[in-house]
């Protein structure tokens, strides 16, 4: 894994750790605000990544199902288009 990929995956956790550390300095309002902002950023990034990866997994599943349908129809000797629809010749 290259350094960019490692930072991409690890940065939300770094933000969370720094945010918690910043919140522990409760004598400074700037530290408290910074800590809250970092924790919100961390949670937002993690949620967005989770949502994106969930959608991508669902798309892959649909694509795999479609490919199985197309393969089965072709094995039955039917002509099909890219969406799995049977082509009827007149």
Protein backbone atom coordinates (compact mmCIF):
# COMPACT_ATOMS: atom_id res chain seq x y z
CA UNK A 1 0.00 0.00 0.00
CA UNK A 2 1.42 3.35 -0.94
CA UNK A 3 1.52 6.33 1.39
CA UNK A 4 -1.43 8.10 -0.28
CA UNK A 5 -3.68 5.07 0.15
CA UNK A 6 -2.55 4.64 3.75
CA UNK A 7 -3.31 8.29 4.52
CA UNK A 8 -6.66 8.08 2.72
CA UNK A 9 -7.74 5.12 4.86
CA UNK A 10 -6.22 6.33 8.12
CA UNK A 11 -6.95 10.05 8.08
CA UNK A 12 -10.43 9.91 9.68
CA UNK A 13 -8.98 7.98 12.60
CA UNK A 14 -6.12 10.46 12.94
CA UNK A 15 -8.70 13.29 12.93
CA UNK A 16 -10.67 11.52 15.66
CA UNK A 17 -7.60 10.95 17.85
CA UNK A 18 -6.42 14.54 17.44
CA UNK A 19 -9.98 15.74 18.11
CA UNK A 20 -10.21 13.77 21.36
CA UNK A 21 -6.77 15.02 22.34
CA UNK A 22 -7.83 18.57 21.60
CA UNK A 23 -11.00 18.17 23.66
CA UNK A 24 -8.93 17.03 26.63
CA UNK A 25 -7.53 20.57 26.76
CA UNK A 26 -10.79 21.95 28.15
CA UNK A 27 -9.19 25.22 29.29
CA UNK A 28 -9.10 26.63 25.78
CA UNK A 29 -12.22 27.39 23.74
CA UNK A 30 -10.24 27.15 20.50
CA UNK A 31 -9.10 23.64 21.44
CA UNK A 32 -12.67 22.60 22.25
CA UNK A 33 -14.03 24.01 18.98
CA UNK A 34 -11.19 22.41 17.02
CA UNK A 35 -11.80 19.08 18.72
CA UNK A 36 -15.51 19.14 17.93
CA UNK A 37 -14.84 20.10 14.30
CA UNK A 38 -12.28 17.30 13.92
CA UNK A 39 -14.65 14.72 15.41
CA UNK A 40 -17.48 15.85 13.13
CA UNK A 41 -15.16 15.72 10.11
CA UNK A 42 -14.00 12.24 11.08
CA UNK A 43 -17.55 10.94 11.50
CA UNK A 44 -18.66 12.56 8.24
CA UNK A 45 -15.80 11.06 6.23
CA UNK A 46 -16.37 7.59 7.69
CA UNK A 47 -20.11 7.75 7.02
CA UNK A 48 -19.63 8.95 3.44
CA UNK A 49 -17.11 6.19 2.73
CA UNK A 50 -19.37 3.56 4.27
CA UNK A 51 -22.33 4.74 2.17
CA UNK A 52 -20.27 4.84 -1.04
CA UNK A 53 -18.82 1.38 -0.48
CA UNK A 54 -22.26 -0.04 0.30
CA UNK A 55 -23.66 1.40 -2.95
CA UNK A 56 -20.70 0.06 -4.95
CA UNK A 57 -21.16 -3.42 -3.45
CA UNK A 58 -24.85 -3.36 -4.40
CA UNK A 59 -23.97 -2.29 -7.96
CA UNK A 60 -21.45 -5.12 -8.25
CA UNK A 61 -24.07 -7.58 -7.03
CA UNK A 62 -26.60 -6.35 -9.62
CA UNK A 63 -23.97 -6.53 -12.40
CA UNK A 64 -23.05 -10.08 -11.41
CA UNK A 65 -26.72 -11.10 -11.40
CA UNK A 66 -27.20 -9.55 -14.83
CA UNK A 67 -24.16 -11.39 -16.20
CA UNK A 68 -25.55 -14.69 -14.87
CA UNK A 69 -28.90 -14.00 -16.57
CA UNK A 70 -27.20 -13.16 -19.87
CA UNK A 71 -25.03 -16.26 -19.67
CA UNK A 72 -28.03 -18.50 -18.93
CA UNK A 73 -30.03 -17.02 -21.83
CA UNK A 74 -27.09 -17.49 -24.19
CA UNK A 75 -26.75 -21.11 -23.07
CA UNK A 76 -30.42 -21.56 -23.97
CA UNK A 77 -29.57 -20.35 -27.46
CA UNK A 78 -31.28 -16.97 -27.15
CA UNK A 79 -29.81 -13.74 -28.47
CA UNK A 80 -29.63 -11.05 -25.79
CA UNK A 81 -28.57 -7.41 -25.61
CA UNK A 82 -26.30 -5.83 -22.98
CA UNK A 83 -29.20 -5.46 -20.54
CA UNK A 84 -30.24 -9.08 -20.70
CA UNK A 85 -33.28 -8.52 -22.92
CA UNK A 86 -34.04 -11.26 -25.41
CA UNK A 87 -33.72 -10.13 -29.03
CA UNK A 88 -36.55 -11.33 -31.21
CA UNK A 89 -36.02 -11.51 -34.96
CA UNK A 90 -39.01 -10.92 -37.21
